[in-house]
Every structure is written in structure tokens, then in C-alpha cells.
N, C-alpha and C. Protein backbone atom coordinates (compact mmCIF):
# COMPACT_ATOMS: atom_id res chain seq x y z
N UNK A 1 1.69 10.80 29.48
CA UNK A 1 1.96 10.13 30.73
C UNK A 1 2.41 8.76 30.31
N UNK A 2 3.62 8.43 30.92
CA UNK A 2 4.34 7.11 30.74
C UNK A 2 4.03 6.43 31.80
N UNK A 3 3.69 5.08 31.62
CA UNK A 3 3.33 4.10 32.76
C UNK A 3 4.63 3.11 32.61
N UNK A 4 4.96 2.56 33.78
CA UNK A 4 6.08 1.57 33.90
C UNK A 4 5.81 0.32 33.07
N UNK A 5 6.65 -0.44 32.55
CA UNK A 5 6.45 -1.54 31.73
C UNK A 5 6.18 -2.78 32.72
N UNK A 6 5.03 -3.32 32.70
CA UNK A 6 4.59 -4.33 33.42
C UNK A 6 4.78 -5.69 32.72
N UNK A 7 5.83 -5.87 32.15
CA UNK A 7 5.97 -7.50 31.52
C UNK A 7 6.02 -7.12 29.94
N UNK A 8 6.14 -8.35 29.43
CA UNK A 8 6.27 -8.40 27.94
C UNK A 8 5.14 -7.75 27.16
N UNK A 9 5.44 -7.19 25.99
CA UNK A 9 4.18 -6.72 25.10
C UNK A 9 3.23 -7.79 24.80
N UNK A 10 2.17 -7.51 24.39
CA UNK A 10 0.90 -8.35 24.38
C UNK A 10 0.31 -8.19 23.09
N UNK A 11 0.15 -9.41 22.38
CA UNK A 11 -0.65 -9.36 21.01
C UNK A 11 -2.21 -9.80 21.30
N UNK A 12 -3.10 -9.04 20.86
CA UNK A 12 -4.61 -9.26 21.00
C UNK A 12 -5.11 -9.41 19.67
N UNK A 13 -5.50 -10.65 19.27
CA UNK A 13 -6.02 -11.06 17.97
C UNK A 13 -7.64 -11.21 18.14
N UNK A 14 -8.38 -10.66 17.46
CA UNK A 14 -9.88 -10.87 17.43
C UNK A 14 -10.25 -11.24 16.15
N UNK A 15 -11.24 -12.32 16.00
CA UNK A 15 -11.84 -12.62 14.72
C UNK A 15 -13.28 -12.31 14.95
N UNK A 16 -13.91 -11.96 14.00
CA UNK A 16 -15.24 -11.40 13.82
C UNK A 16 -16.09 -12.38 12.71
N UNK A 17 -17.27 -12.72 13.10
CA UNK A 17 -18.01 -13.14 12.05
C UNK A 17 -19.13 -12.42 11.90
N UNK A 18 -19.34 -11.44 10.98
CA UNK A 18 -20.22 -10.58 10.69
C UNK A 18 -21.51 -11.12 9.95
N UNK A 19 -22.66 -10.79 10.60
CA UNK A 19 -24.02 -11.57 9.90
C UNK A 19 -23.98 -11.14 8.43
N UNK A 20 -24.58 -11.88 7.59
CA UNK A 20 -24.82 -11.81 6.33
C UNK A 20 -25.74 -10.56 5.92
N UNK A 21 -26.59 -10.41 6.65
CA UNK A 21 -27.59 -9.27 6.37
C UNK A 21 -26.99 -7.95 6.86
N UNK A 22 -25.84 -7.79 7.38
CA UNK A 22 -25.25 -6.46 7.60
C UNK A 22 -25.07 -5.82 6.54
N UNK A 23 -25.39 -4.53 6.47
CA UNK A 23 -25.34 -3.57 5.41
C UNK A 23 -23.78 -3.24 5.12
N UNK A 24 -23.29 -2.91 4.02
CA UNK A 24 -22.01 -2.43 3.96
C UNK A 24 -21.43 -1.24 4.69
N UNK A 25 -22.65 -0.47 4.90
CA UNK A 25 -22.54 0.69 5.72
C UNK A 25 -22.28 0.52 7.19
N UNK A 26 -22.94 -0.65 7.75
CA UNK A 26 -22.69 -1.10 9.02
C UNK A 26 -21.42 -1.62 9.11
N UNK A 27 -20.98 -2.43 8.19
CA UNK A 27 -19.60 -3.03 8.34
C UNK A 27 -18.57 -1.97 8.39
N UNK A 28 -18.61 -0.98 7.50
CA UNK A 28 -17.69 0.16 7.20
C UNK A 28 -17.57 0.91 8.60
N UNK A 29 -18.79 1.03 9.25
CA UNK A 29 -18.90 2.02 10.41
C UNK A 29 -18.12 1.12 11.60
N UNK A 30 -18.31 -0.26 11.62
CA UNK A 30 -17.59 -1.15 12.58
C UNK A 30 -16.16 -1.07 12.38
N UNK A 31 -15.82 -1.25 11.21
CA UNK A 31 -14.11 -1.18 10.91
C UNK A 31 -13.59 0.22 11.36
N UNK A 32 -14.39 1.20 11.04
CA UNK A 32 -13.84 2.46 11.38
C UNK A 32 -13.78 2.79 12.76
N UNK A 33 -14.80 2.15 13.61
CA UNK A 33 -14.90 2.36 14.85
C UNK A 33 -13.76 1.51 15.60
N UNK A 34 -13.55 0.45 15.22
CA UNK A 34 -12.39 -0.46 15.65
C UNK A 34 -11.08 0.17 15.32
N UNK A 35 -10.69 0.72 14.32
CA UNK A 35 -9.55 1.48 13.79
C UNK A 35 -9.45 2.63 14.83
N UNK A 36 -10.51 3.32 15.20
CA UNK A 36 -10.40 4.39 16.09
C UNK A 36 -9.85 4.02 17.49
N UNK A 37 -9.92 2.60 17.80
CA UNK A 37 -9.40 2.35 19.30
C UNK A 37 -7.79 2.38 19.40
N UNK A 38 -7.21 2.50 18.18
CA UNK A 38 -5.71 2.62 18.19
C UNK A 38 -5.17 3.77 19.08
N UNK A 39 -6.06 4.79 19.25
CA UNK A 39 -5.64 6.01 20.01
C UNK A 39 -5.68 5.91 21.48
N UNK A 40 -6.31 4.60 21.93
CA UNK A 40 -6.33 4.37 23.46
C UNK A 40 -4.83 3.99 23.91
N UNK A 41 -4.72 4.64 25.21
CA UNK A 41 -3.22 4.66 25.76
C UNK A 41 -2.96 3.08 26.00
N UNK A 42 -1.77 2.92 25.59
CA UNK A 42 -1.20 1.49 25.76
C UNK A 42 -1.20 0.69 24.39
N UNK A 43 -2.05 1.17 23.45
CA UNK A 43 -2.15 0.34 22.26
C UNK A 43 -1.00 0.76 21.25
N UNK A 44 -0.16 -0.08 20.88
CA UNK A 44 1.13 0.32 20.17
C UNK A 44 0.99 0.13 18.69
N UNK A 45 0.17 -0.79 18.27
CA UNK A 45 -0.16 -1.01 16.92
C UNK A 45 -1.46 -1.63 16.72
N UNK A 46 -2.12 -1.25 15.63
CA UNK A 46 -3.43 -1.93 15.59
C UNK A 46 -3.68 -2.06 13.90
N UNK A 47 -4.16 -3.15 13.41
CA UNK A 47 -4.65 -3.38 12.18
C UNK A 47 -6.10 -4.11 12.22
N UNK A 48 -6.82 -3.57 11.20
CA UNK A 48 -8.19 -4.25 11.22
C UNK A 48 -8.45 -4.29 9.71
N UNK A 49 -9.12 -5.41 9.35
CA UNK A 49 -9.54 -5.67 7.90
C UNK A 49 -10.37 -6.81 7.77
N UNK A 50 -10.84 -6.93 6.38
CA UNK A 50 -11.74 -7.96 5.92
C UNK A 50 -10.88 -9.11 5.57
N UNK A 51 -11.41 -10.44 5.83
CA UNK A 51 -10.63 -11.50 5.38
C UNK A 51 -10.95 -11.73 3.97
N UNK A 52 -9.94 -12.24 3.16
CA UNK A 52 -10.12 -12.33 1.57
C UNK A 52 -9.79 -13.84 1.28
N UNK A 53 -9.54 -14.57 2.20
CA UNK A 53 -9.07 -16.07 2.01
C UNK A 53 -10.04 -17.06 2.32
N UNK A 54 -9.78 -18.13 1.75
CA UNK A 54 -10.76 -19.33 2.07
C UNK A 54 -10.58 -20.08 3.34
N UNK A 55 -9.64 -19.93 4.06
CA UNK A 55 -9.31 -20.59 5.18
C UNK A 55 -9.79 -19.94 6.55
N UNK A 56 -10.81 -18.97 6.46
CA UNK A 56 -10.96 -18.33 7.58
C UNK A 56 -12.14 -18.98 8.39
N UNK A 57 -12.56 -20.16 8.09
CA UNK A 57 -13.75 -20.76 8.88
C UNK A 57 -15.06 -20.05 8.85
N UNK A 58 -15.22 -19.14 7.98
CA UNK A 58 -16.52 -18.27 8.08
C UNK A 58 -16.19 -16.95 8.76
N UNK A 59 -15.06 -16.82 9.40
CA UNK A 59 -14.85 -15.47 10.04
C UNK A 59 -14.35 -14.39 8.89
N UNK A 60 -15.20 -13.32 9.11
CA UNK A 60 -15.17 -12.36 7.91
C UNK A 60 -14.36 -11.14 8.12
N UNK A 61 -13.76 -10.89 9.38
CA UNK A 61 -12.94 -9.73 9.67
C UNK A 61 -12.24 -10.16 10.88
N UNK A 62 -11.03 -9.25 10.91
CA UNK A 62 -10.02 -9.66 12.10
C UNK A 62 -9.46 -8.17 12.64
N UNK A 63 -9.09 -8.19 13.83
CA UNK A 63 -8.43 -7.01 14.48
C UNK A 63 -7.30 -7.71 15.07
N UNK A 64 -5.92 -6.95 15.02
CA UNK A 64 -4.72 -7.43 15.66
C UNK A 64 -4.29 -6.16 16.24
N UNK A 65 -4.12 -6.23 17.47
CA UNK A 65 -3.53 -5.06 18.11
C UNK A 65 -2.30 -5.66 19.20
N UNK A 66 -1.28 -4.61 19.25
CA UNK A 66 -0.31 -4.92 20.15
C UNK A 66 -0.22 -3.90 21.19
N UNK A 67 -0.09 -4.46 22.41
CA UNK A 67 -0.20 -3.50 23.70
C UNK A 67 1.13 -3.51 24.47
N UNK A 68 1.27 -2.37 24.91
CA UNK A 68 2.42 -2.23 25.80
C UNK A 68 2.71 -3.39 26.66
N UNK A 69 1.72 -3.78 27.37
CA UNK A 69 1.86 -4.84 28.39
C UNK A 69 0.60 -5.31 28.81
N UNK A 70 0.47 -6.27 29.71
CA UNK A 70 -0.90 -6.95 30.14
C UNK A 70 -1.70 -5.73 30.94
N UNK A 71 -1.13 -5.04 31.68
CA UNK A 71 -2.03 -3.96 32.22
C UNK A 71 -2.66 -3.13 31.26
N UNK A 72 -1.87 -2.75 30.21
CA UNK A 72 -2.55 -1.86 29.15
C UNK A 72 -3.90 -2.66 28.45
N UNK A 73 -3.63 -3.93 28.31
CA UNK A 73 -4.71 -4.84 27.50
C UNK A 73 -5.82 -4.91 28.63
N UNK A 74 -5.58 -4.94 30.01
CA UNK A 74 -6.71 -5.20 30.88
C UNK A 74 -7.46 -3.77 31.00
N UNK A 75 -6.84 -2.54 30.60
CA UNK A 75 -7.33 -1.24 30.79
C UNK A 75 -8.27 -1.03 29.43
N UNK A 76 -7.95 -1.62 28.45
CA UNK A 76 -8.42 -1.48 27.06
C UNK A 76 -9.97 -2.05 27.13
N UNK A 77 -10.28 -3.26 27.61
CA UNK A 77 -11.54 -3.89 27.72
C UNK A 77 -12.76 -2.98 28.12
N UNK A 78 -12.45 -2.37 29.28
CA UNK A 78 -13.53 -1.62 29.91
C UNK A 78 -13.45 -0.02 29.43
N UNK A 79 -12.29 0.26 28.72
CA UNK A 79 -12.28 1.66 28.22
C UNK A 79 -13.59 2.13 27.55
N UNK A 80 -14.02 3.35 28.04
CA UNK A 80 -15.41 3.82 27.37
C UNK A 80 -15.44 3.86 25.82
N UNK A 81 -14.31 4.03 25.13
CA UNK A 81 -14.40 4.13 23.82
C UNK A 81 -14.51 2.62 23.19
N UNK A 82 -13.76 1.76 23.75
CA UNK A 82 -13.98 0.24 23.49
C UNK A 82 -15.34 -0.17 23.59
N UNK A 83 -15.99 0.09 24.75
CA UNK A 83 -17.14 -0.28 25.20
C UNK A 83 -18.34 0.31 24.23
N UNK A 84 -18.10 1.55 23.85
CA UNK A 84 -19.05 2.19 22.73
C UNK A 84 -19.01 1.49 21.52
N UNK A 85 -17.75 1.02 20.87
CA UNK A 85 -17.79 0.30 19.74
C UNK A 85 -18.35 -1.05 19.80
N UNK A 86 -17.92 -1.72 20.82
CA UNK A 86 -18.53 -2.91 21.10
C UNK A 86 -20.01 -2.86 21.00
N UNK A 87 -20.73 -2.09 21.76
CA UNK A 87 -22.22 -2.08 22.01
C UNK A 87 -22.92 -1.46 20.85
N UNK A 88 -22.44 -0.35 20.27
CA UNK A 88 -23.05 0.33 19.23
C UNK A 88 -22.92 -0.26 17.60
N UNK A 89 -21.60 -0.64 17.65
CA UNK A 89 -21.32 -0.95 16.20
C UNK A 89 -20.92 -2.27 15.92
N UNK A 90 -20.47 -3.04 16.93
CA UNK A 90 -20.17 -4.53 16.62
C UNK A 90 -21.22 -5.39 16.91
N UNK A 91 -21.75 -5.46 18.22
CA UNK A 91 -22.80 -6.29 18.52
C UNK A 91 -23.85 -6.42 17.78
N UNK A 92 -24.41 -5.39 17.11
CA UNK A 92 -25.62 -5.48 16.23
C UNK A 92 -25.50 -6.19 15.12
N UNK A 93 -24.23 -6.24 14.55
CA UNK A 93 -24.06 -7.15 13.29
C UNK A 93 -23.02 -8.25 13.32
N UNK A 94 -22.55 -8.63 14.58
CA UNK A 94 -21.73 -9.74 14.79
C UNK A 94 -22.45 -10.93 15.35
N UNK A 95 -22.03 -11.90 14.62
CA UNK A 95 -22.51 -13.18 15.18
C UNK A 95 -21.86 -14.03 16.05
N UNK A 96 -20.37 -13.90 15.88
CA UNK A 96 -19.29 -14.74 16.67
C UNK A 96 -18.09 -13.98 16.69
N UNK A 97 -17.47 -14.28 17.91
CA UNK A 97 -16.09 -13.68 17.87
C UNK A 97 -15.25 -14.71 18.65
N UNK A 98 -13.90 -14.60 18.23
CA UNK A 98 -12.95 -15.49 18.84
C UNK A 98 -11.72 -14.37 19.37
N UNK A 99 -11.23 -14.56 20.57
CA UNK A 99 -10.25 -13.64 20.97
C UNK A 99 -8.91 -14.60 21.48
N UNK A 100 -7.85 -14.13 21.06
CA UNK A 100 -6.57 -14.90 21.48
C UNK A 100 -5.65 -13.74 21.80
N UNK A 101 -5.24 -13.86 23.14
CA UNK A 101 -4.15 -12.81 23.75
C UNK A 101 -2.94 -13.67 23.92
N UNK A 102 -1.56 -13.27 23.69
CA UNK A 102 -0.53 -13.84 24.06
C UNK A 102 0.61 -12.92 24.35
N UNK A 103 1.61 -13.29 25.07
CA UNK A 103 2.74 -12.46 25.19
C UNK A 103 3.83 -12.56 24.31
N UNK A 104 4.18 -11.54 23.93
CA UNK A 104 5.26 -11.57 22.66
C UNK A 104 6.68 -11.83 23.50
N UNK A 105 7.45 -12.76 23.21
CA UNK A 105 8.46 -13.20 23.80
C UNK A 105 9.65 -13.30 22.71
């Protein structure tokens, strides 16, 4: 199903600070869950990964997603798949998050 374009594409950036006591299995499950969100309608591109640099201010992982428009981003937040990942995989091991959304012009 195609929805009309409601403005410019949107970039959604999320930085995560995963707790030091999180197990490698928990972290991998979180990353896999986040990657699975790419199938939600309106998500055009998604990349998820671990930070390897020294400039991350303690943030350990990042997600970058491009959405069709603002309405697609608005629908993404409450989507059941997104909520499941947030509540079951992310919140148990994440201690801080920063989110930045901007129009791509």
C-alpha cells in the first residue's frame, strides 16, 4: 500500500549507552531486534551498529533510519514491533538514549 508523501524525508538518529553489565547475548539480541524494525512501513533505510571510536562520549551503539516522511516516523514510535523491541530488548540493558530527528532537505 502506498501512502502519499507528507513532506521531506526524515532522518532518525538514536544513540544508546548500553550498561557495562549487559551480556554479549543481550547486546546482540538488542541489535538484531533493532535491525528487524527496518521492515516497518515507511522505513526506507536503517543501519545499526556498535561505536568503535573514542569520540562517542560513552554511547556504545547507534541506529540511523531514514523515513518516507514525518507521518511515517510518527507511526513508527507506537508500532507494536518497535514497542516490543524497546520494552523487551532495549530497556533492560540501556542506561541512556539520545534521539535526533531532522528533515532531509
